PDB file of N, CA and C in Angstrom:
ATOM      1  N   MET A   1       0.772  -1.118  -0.473  1.00  0.00           N
ATOM      2  CA  MET A   1       0.620   0.225   0.431  1.00  0.00           C
ATOM      3  C   MET A   1       0.786   1.471  -0.112  1.00  0.00           C
ATOM      4  N   ALA A   2       1.011   2.164  -1.044  1.00  0.00           N
ATOM      5  CA  ALA A   2       1.682   3.732  -1.631  1.00  0.00           C
ATOM      6  C   ALA A   2       0.648   4.763  -0.558  1.00  0.00           C
ATOM      7  N   SER A   3       1.408   5.151   0.039  1.00  0.00           N
ATOM      8  CA  SER A   3       0.588   6.500   0.755  1.00  0.00           C
ATOM      9  C   SER A   3       1.639   7.271   0.338  1.00  0.00           C
ATOM     10  N   GLU A   4       0.900   8.798  -0.155  1.00  0.00           N
ATOM     11  CA  GLU A   4       1.665  10.201  -0.432  1.00  0.00           C
ATOM     12  C   GLU A   4       1.609  11.450   0.705  1.00  0.00           C
ATOM     13  N   VAL A   5       2.739  11.733   0.359  1.00  0.00           N
ATOM     14  CA  VAL A   5       2.707  12.764   1.515  1.00  0.00           C
ATOM     15  C   VAL A   5       3.159  13.878   1.032  1.00  0.00           C
ATOM     16  N   VAL A   6       2.494  15.096   1.073  1.00  0.00           N
ATOM     17  CA  VAL A   6       2.779  16.411   1.015  1.00  0.00           C
ATOM     18  C   VAL A   6       2.965  17.448   1.197  1.00  0.00           C
ATOM     19  N   VAL A   7       3.611  17.971   1.509  1.00  0.00           N
ATOM     20  CA  VAL A   7       3.881  18.842   2.678  1.00  0.00           C
ATOM     21  C   VAL A   7       3.744  20.460   1.758  1.00  0.00           C
ATOM     22  N   VAL A   8       2.881  20.650   2.162  1.00  0.00           N
ATOM     23  CA  VAL A   8       2.429  22.338   1.974  1.00  0.00           C
ATOM     24  C   VAL A   8       2.626  23.631   2.315  1.00  0.00           C
ATOM     25  N   LYS A   9       3.451  23.651   2.970  1.00  0.00           N
ATOM     26  CA  LYS A   9       4.482  24.830   3.031  1.00  0.00           C
ATOM     27  C   LYS A   9       5.268  24.130   4.739  1.00  0.00           C
ATOM     28  N   THR A  10       6.191  24.609   4.772  1.00  0.00           N
ATOM     29  CA  THR A  10       7.699  24.698   6.204  1.00  0.00           C
ATOM     30  C   THR A  10       8.056  26.454   6.381  1.00  0.00           C
ATOM     31  N   ALA A  11       8.013  26.423   7.584  1.00  0.00           N
ATOM     32  CA  ALA A  11       8.362  27.363   8.516  1.00  0.00           C
ATOM     33  C   ALA A  11       9.729  27.248   9.452  1.00  0.00           C
ATOM     34  N   MET A  12      10.352  28.330   9.194  1.00  0.00           N
ATOM     35  CA  MET A  12      11.399  28.109  10.530  1.00  0.00           C
ATOM     36  C   MET A  12      12.641  28.970  10.810  1.00  0.00           C
ATOM     37  N   ILE A  13      12.508  28.836  12.282  1.00  0.00           N
ATOM     38  CA  ILE A  13      14.106  30.606  11.768  1.00  0.00           C
ATOM     39  C   ILE A  13      14.584  29.564  13.269  1.00  0.00           C
ATOM     40  N   THR A  14      16.038  29.408  12.581  1.00  0.00           N
ATOM     41  CA  THR A  14      16.900  28.742  13.923  1.00  0.00           C
ATOM     42  C   THR A  14      18.643  29.344  13.465  1.00  0.00           C
ATOM     43  N   PRO A  15      19.636  29.444  14.044  1.00  0.00           N
ATOM     44  CA  PRO A  15      20.842  30.311  14.217  1.00  0.00           C
ATOM     45  C   PRO A  15      21.043  30.639  12.469  1.00  0.00           C
ATOM     46  N   ILE A  16      20.486  29.543  11.199  1.00  0.00           N
ATOM     47  CA  ILE A  16      21.519  29.913  10.849  1.00  0.00           C
ATOM     48  C   ILE A  16      20.727  30.697   9.344  1.00  0.00           C
ATOM     49  N   GLY A  17      19.626  30.683   9.563  1.00  0.00           N
ATOM     50  CA  GLY A  17      18.699  30.757   9.036  1.00  0.00           C
ATOM     51  C   GLY A  17      17.125  31.538   9.141  1.00  0.00           C
ATOM     52  N   LEU A  18      16.507  32.598   8.826  1.00  0.00           N
ATOM     53  CA  LEU A  18      14.694  33.205   9.445  1.00  0.00           C
ATOM     54  C   LEU A  18      14.246  32.417   8.508  1.00  0.00           C
ATOM     55  N   SER A  19      14.645  31.550   7.320  1.00  0.00           N
ATOM     56  CA  SER A  19      13.319  30.727   6.712  1.00  0.00           C
ATOM     57  C   SER A  19      13.936  29.527   6.045  1.00  0.00           C
ATOM     58  N   ALA A  20      13.010  28.241   6.104  1.00  0.00           N
ATOM     59  CA  ALA A  20      13.830  27.291   5.878  1.00  0.00           C
ATOM     60  C   ALA A  20      14.633  27.000   4.878  1.00  0.00           C
ATOM     61  N   PRO A  21      14.560  27.649   3.313  1.00  0.00           N
ATOM     62  CA  PRO A  21      15.551  27.886   1.947  1.00  0.00           C
ATOM     63  C   PRO A  21      16.669  28.092   2.786  1.00  0.00           C
ATOM     64  N   GLU A  22      16.754  29.851   3.972  1.00  0.00           N
ATOM     65  CA  GLU A  22      17.924  29.784   3.981  1.00  0.00           C
ATOM     66  C   GLU A  22      18.811  29.027   5.128  1.00  0.00           C
ATOM     67  N   THR A  23      17.913  28.026   5.945  1.00  0.00           N
ATOM     68  CA  THR A  23      18.318  26.993   6.747  1.00  0.00           C
ATOM     69  C   THR A  23      19.347  25.966   5.734  1.00  0.00           C
ATOM     70  N   GLU A  24      18.331  26.228   5.399  1.00  0.00           N
ATOM     71  CA  GLU A  24      18.440  24.266   4.269  1.00  0.00           C
ATOM     72  C   GLU A  24      20.383  25.057   3.473  1.00  0.00           C
ATOM     73  N   ALA A  25      20.337  26.625   2.713  1.00  0.00           N
ATOM     74  CA  ALA A  25      21.574  26.699   1.868  1.00  0.00           C
ATOM     75  C   ALA A  25      22.798  27.038   3.161  1.00  0.00           C
ATOM     76  N   SER A  26      22.498  27.637   4.394  1.00  0.00           N
ATOM     77  CA  SER A  26      23.099  27.771   4.820  1.00  0.00           C
ATOM     78  C   SER A  26      23.825  26.101   5.811  1.00  0.00           C
ATOM     79  N   ALA A  27      23.322  25.270   5.983  1.00  0.00           N
ATOM     80  CA  ALA A  27      23.378  24.026   6.027  1.00  0.00           C
ATOM     81  C   ALA A  27      24.076  22.806   5.023  1.00  0.00           C
ATOM     82  N   ARG A  28      23.488  23.406   4.214  1.00  0.00           N
ATOM     83  CA  ARG A  28      24.720  23.085   3.184  1.00  0.00           C
ATOM     84  C   ARG A  28      26.006  23.431   3.060  1.00  0.00           C
ATOM     85  N   ALA A  29      25.755  25.141   3.616  1.00  0.00           N
ATOM     86  CA  ALA A  29      27.471  25.524   3.138  1.00  0.00           C
ATOM     87  C   ALA A  29      28.152  24.707   4.349  1.00  0.00           C
ATOM     88  N   ARG A  30      27.431  24.350   4.987  1.00  0.00           N
ATOM     89  CA  ARG A  30      28.287  24.379   6.855  1.00  0.00           C
ATOM     90  C   ARG A  30      28.434  25.196   7.599  1.00  0.00           C
ATOM     91  N   THR A  31      27.879  26.196   7.440  1.00  0.00           N
ATOM     92  CA  THR A  31      27.417  27.284   8.160  1.00  0.00           C
ATOM     93  C   THR A  31      26.785  26.701   9.650  1.00  0.00           C
ATOM     94  N   ALA A  32      28.078  27.797  10.381  1.00  0.00           N
ATOM     95  CA  ALA A  32      27.976  27.382  12.392  1.00  0.00           C
ATOM     96  C   ALA A  32      27.971  28.555  12.759  1.00  0.00           C
ATOM     97  N   ARG A  33      26.687  29.196  13.279  1.00  0.00           N
ATOM     98  CA  ARG A  33      26.635  30.683  13.946  1.00  0.00           C
ATOM     99  C   ARG A  33      26.606  30.402  16.015  1.00  0.00           C
ATOM    100  N   LEU A  34      27.887  30.083  16.616  1.00  0.00           N
ATOM    101  CA  LEU A  34      27.852  29.406  17.454  1.00  0.00           C
ATOM    102  C   LEU A  34      28.820  30.783  18.342  1.00  0.00           C
ATOM    103  N   THR A  35      28.501  30.652  19.604  1.00  0.00           N
ATOM    104  CA  THR A  35      29.135  31.478  20.441  1.00  0.00           C
ATOM    105  C   THR A  35      29.229  30.796  21.314  1.00  0.00           C
ATOM    106  N   GLU A  36      29.521  31.746  22.318  1.00  0.00           N
ATOM    107  CA  GLU A  36      30.270  31.397  23.807  1.00  0.00           C
ATOM    108  C   GLU A  36      28.746  32.166  24.542  1.00  0.00           C
ATOM    109  N   ILE A  37      28.392  31.807  26.084  1.00  0.00           N
ATOM    110  CA  ILE A  37      27.955  32.983  26.731  1.00  0.00           C
ATOM    111  C   ILE A  37      28.483  32.780  27.883  1.00  0.00           C
ATOM    112  N   GLU A  38      27.539  33.565  29.126  1.00  0.00           N
ATOM    113  CA  GLU A  38      28.412  33.789  29.904  1.00  0.00           C
ATOM    114  C   GLU A  38      27.695  32.899  31.185  1.00  0.00           C
ATOM    115  N   TRP A  39      27.278  31.661  30.276  1.00  0.00           N
ATOM    116  CA  TRP A  39      26.687  30.667  31.674  1.00  0.00           C
ATOM    117  C   TRP A  39      27.716  29.644  31.635  1.00  0.00           C
ATOM    118  N   ARG A  40      27.768  29.448  32.878  1.00  0.00           N
ATOM    119  CA  ARG A  40      28.990  28.161  32.800  1.00  0.00           C
ATOM    120  C   ARG A  40      28.380  26.847  33.288  1.00  0.00           C
ATOM    121  N   ASP A  41      29.137  25.644  33.158  1.00  0.00           N
ATOM    122  CA  ASP A  41      28.710  24.341  33.528  1.00  0.00           C
ATOM    123  C   ASP A  41      29.361  23.932  34.630  1.00  0.00           C
ATOM    124  N   ARG A  42      29.433  23.110  35.089  1.00  0.00           N
ATOM    125  CA  ARG A  42      29.819  22.594  36.197  1.00  0.00           C
ATOM    126  C   ARG A  42      30.976  22.577  37.115  1.00  0.00           C
ATOM    127  N   ARG A  43      32.242  22.824  35.343  1.00  0.00           N
ATOM    128  CA  ARG A  43      33.153  22.641  35.367  1.00  0.00           C
ATOM    129  C   ARG A  43      33.691  23.527  35.186  1.00  0.00           C
ATOM    130  N   PHE A  44      32.592  24.444  35.048  1.00  0.00           N
ATOM    131  CA  PHE A  44      33.471  26.551  34.701  1.00  0.00           C
ATOM    132  C   PHE A  44      33.447  25.914  33.141  1.00  0.00           C
ATOM    133  N   LYS A  45      33.321  25.424  32.839  1.00  0.00           N
ATOM    134  CA  LYS A  45      33.414  25.832  31.088  1.00  0.00           C
ATOM    135  C   LYS A  45      32.146  26.502  30.280  1.00  0.00           C
ATOM    136  N   PRO A  46      32.331  27.286  29.352  1.00  0.00           N
ATOM    137  CA  PRO A  46      31.139  28.468  28.493  1.00  0.00           C
ATOM    138  C   PRO A  46      30.145  27.456  28.223  1.00  0.00           C
ATOM    139  N   PHE A  47      29.187  28.317  27.992  1.00  0.00           N
ATOM    140  CA  PHE A  47      28.154  27.120  27.341  1.00  0.00           C
ATOM    141  C   PHE A  47      28.472  27.926  25.926  1.00  0.00           C
ATOM    142  N   VAL A  48      28.005  26.496  24.845  1.00  0.00           N
ATOM    143  CA  VAL A  48      28.401  26.924  23.118  1.00  0.00           C
ATOM    144  C   VAL A  48      26.648  26.779  22.770  1.00  0.00           C
ATOM    145  N   VAL A  49      26.411  28.147  22.120  1.00  0.00           N
ATOM    146  CA  VAL A  49      24.766  28.126  22.094  1.00  0.00           C
ATOM    147  C   VAL A  49      24.365  28.836  20.396  1.00  0.00           C
ATOM    148  N   GLY A  50      23.749  28.996  20.039  1.00  0.00           N
ATOM    149  CA  GLY A  50      23.070  29.597  18.695  1.00  0.00           C
ATOM    150  C   GLY A  50      22.685  29.917  18.582  1.00  0.00           C
ATOM    151  N   LEU A  51      22.419  31.223  18.825  1.00  0.00           N
ATOM    152  CA  LEU A  51      21.739  32.479  19.150  1.00  0.00           C
ATOM    153  C   LEU A  51      20.636  32.668  17.484  1.00  0.00           C
ATOM    154  N   VAL A  52      19.855  32.906  17.571  1.00  0.00           N
ATOM    155  CA  VAL A  52      19.031  33.320  17.014  1.00  0.00           C
ATOM    156  C   VAL A  52      18.126  34.879  16.953  1.00  0.00           C
ATOM    157  N   PRO A  53      18.779  36.029  15.797  1.00  0.00           N
ATOM    158  CA  PRO A  53      18.955  37.025  15.629  1.00  0.00           C
ATOM    159  C   PRO A  53      17.242  38.147  16.374  1.00  0.00           C
ATOM    160  N   ASP A  54      17.861  38.910  17.070  1.00  0.00           N
ATOM    161  CA  ASP A  54      16.498  39.489  17.588  1.00  0.00           C
ATOM    162  C   ASP A  54      15.913  39.995  16.429  1.00  0.00           C
ATOM    163  N   ASP A  55      15.484  40.204  15.438  1.00  0.00           N
ATOM    164  CA  ASP A  55      14.759  40.588  14.131  1.00  0.00           C
ATOM    165  C   ASP A  55      14.652  39.759  13.168  1.00  0.00           C
ATOM    166  N   GLY A  56      14.511  38.138  13.882  1.00  0.00           N
ATOM    167  CA  GLY A  56      13.914  37.025  13.179  1.00  0.00           C
ATOM    168  C   GLY A  56      13.445  36.335  14.758  1.00  0.00           C
ATOM    169  N   LEU A  57      13.004  37.494  15.605  1.00  0.00           N
ATOM    170  CA  LEU A  57      12.617  36.974  16.008  1.00  0.00           C
ATOM    171  C   LEU A  57      10.933  37.604  16.061  1.00  0.00           C
ATOM    172  N   PRO A  58       9.725  36.831  16.514  1.00  0.00           N
ATOM    173  CA  PRO A  58       8.262  36.893  15.978  1.00  0.00           C
ATOM    174  C   PRO A  58       7.830  38.802  17.464  1.00  0.00           C
ATOM    175  N   ASP A  59       6.965  39.287  17.116  1.00  0.00           N
ATOM    176  CA  ASP A  59       6.121  40.641  17.885  1.00  0.00           C
ATOM    177  C   ASP A  59       6.098  40.089  19.166  1.00  0.00           C
ATOM    178  N   LEU A  60       6.010  40.296  20.139  1.00  0.00           N
ATOM    179  CA  LEU A  60       5.609  39.291  21.569  1.00  0.00           C
ATOM    180  C   LEU A  60       4.865  40.349  21.496  1.00  0.00           C
ATOM    181  N   THR A  61       4.625  41.868  21.742  1.00  0.00           N
ATOM    182  CA  THR A  61       3.320  42.346  21.942  1.00  0.00           C
ATOM    183  C   THR A  61       2.203  42.542  22.232  1.00  0.00           C
ATOM    184  N   GLU A  62       2.177  42.245  20.638  1.00  0.00           N
ATOM    185  CA  GLU A  62       0.869  41.883  19.943  1.00  0.00           C
ATOM    186  C   GLU A  62      -0.132  40.943  20.621  1.00  0.00           C
ATOM    187  N   LYS A  63      -0.964  41.088  20.723  1.00  0.00           N
ATOM    188  CA  LYS A  63      -1.341  39.997  21.488  1.00  0.00           C
ATOM    189  C   LYS A  63      -2.597  39.589  19.959  1.00  0.00           C
ATOM    190  N   PRO A  64      -2.850  38.058  20.089  1.00  0.00           N
ATOM    191  CA  PRO A  64      -3.040  37.643  18.780  1.00  0.00           C
ATOM    192  C   PRO A  64      -4.573  38.105  18.488  1.00  0.00           C
ATOM    193  N   GLY A  65      -5.647  37.103  17.602  1.00  0.00           N
ATOM    194  CA  GLY A  65      -7.046  37.525  17.625  1.00  0.00           C
ATOM    195  C   GLY A  65      -6.915  38.805  16.892  1.00  0.00           C
TER     196      GLY A  65
END
Protein backbone atom coordinates (compact mmCIF):
# COMPACT_ATOMS: atom_id res chain seq x y z
CA MET A 1 0.00 0.00 0.00
CA ALA A 2 1.60 3.24 -1.15
CA SER A 3 0.78 6.46 0.61
CA GLU A 4 1.63 9.96 -0.49
CA VAL A 5 2.83 12.80 1.71
CA VAL A 6 2.43 16.35 0.49
CA VAL A 7 4.25 19.17 2.27
CA VAL A 8 2.24 22.34 1.72
CA LYS A 9 4.28 24.83 3.68
CA THR A 10 7.31 24.94 5.97
CA ALA A 11 8.55 27.58 8.34
CA MET A 12 11.51 27.79 10.65
CA ILE A 13 13.73 30.24 12.42
CA THR A 14 17.20 28.97 13.31
CA PRO A 15 20.56 30.50 14.23
CA ILE A 16 21.70 29.93 10.61
CA GLY A 17 18.60 31.16 8.80
CA LEU A 18 15.36 33.06 9.23
CA SER A 19 13.44 30.83 6.79
CA ALA A 20 13.46 27.21 5.66
CA PRO A 21 15.30 27.94 2.35
CA GLU A 22 17.87 30.15 4.12
CA THR A 23 18.47 27.50 6.79
CA GLU A 24 18.84 24.79 4.14
CA ALA A 25 21.37 26.85 2.17
CA SER A 26 23.38 27.67 5.30
CA ALA A 27 23.34 24.03 6.43
CA ARG A 28 24.53 22.85 3.01
CA ALA A 29 27.33 25.43 3.21
CA ARG A 30 28.14 24.07 6.69
CA THR A 31 27.65 27.47 8.28
CA ALA A 32 27.60 27.52 12.08
CA ARG A 33 26.78 30.59 14.13
CA LEU A 34 27.85 29.33 17.51
CA THR A 35 29.09 31.49 20.33
CA GLU A 36 30.06 31.13 23.97
CA ILE A 37 27.79 32.72 26.55
CA GLU A 38 28.55 33.76 30.11
CA TRP A 39 26.67 30.81 31.65
CA ARG A 40 29.02 28.08 32.91
CA ASP A 41 28.63 24.34 33.42
CA ARG A 42 29.77 22.39 36.50
CA ARG A 43 33.35 22.44 35.27
CA PHE A 44 33.13 26.22 34.75
CA LYS A 45 33.31 25.89 30.97
CA PRO A 46 31.10 28.33 29.03
CA PHE A 47 28.05 26.99 27.21
CA VAL A 48 28.27 27.16 23.42
CA VAL A 49 24.93 28.08 21.86
CA GLY A 50 23.37 29.14 18.59
CA LEU A 51 21.51 32.43 18.93
CA VAL A 52 18.68 33.64 16.70
CA PRO A 53 19.11 37.33 15.81
CA ASP A 54 16.54 39.67 17.39
CA ASP A 55 15.14 40.72 14.00
CA GLY A 56 14.22 37.08 13.35
CA LEU A 57 12.05 36.75 16.44
CA PRO A 58 8.32 37.42 16.33
CA ASP A 59 6.88 40.47 18.06
CA LEU A 60 5.58 39.25 21.42
CA THR A 61 3.88 42.50 22.41
CA GLU A 62 0.92 42.05 20.05
CA LYS A 63 -2.03 39.97 21.23
CA PRO A 64 -3.23 37.34 18.75
CA GLY A 65 -6.59 37.66 17.08
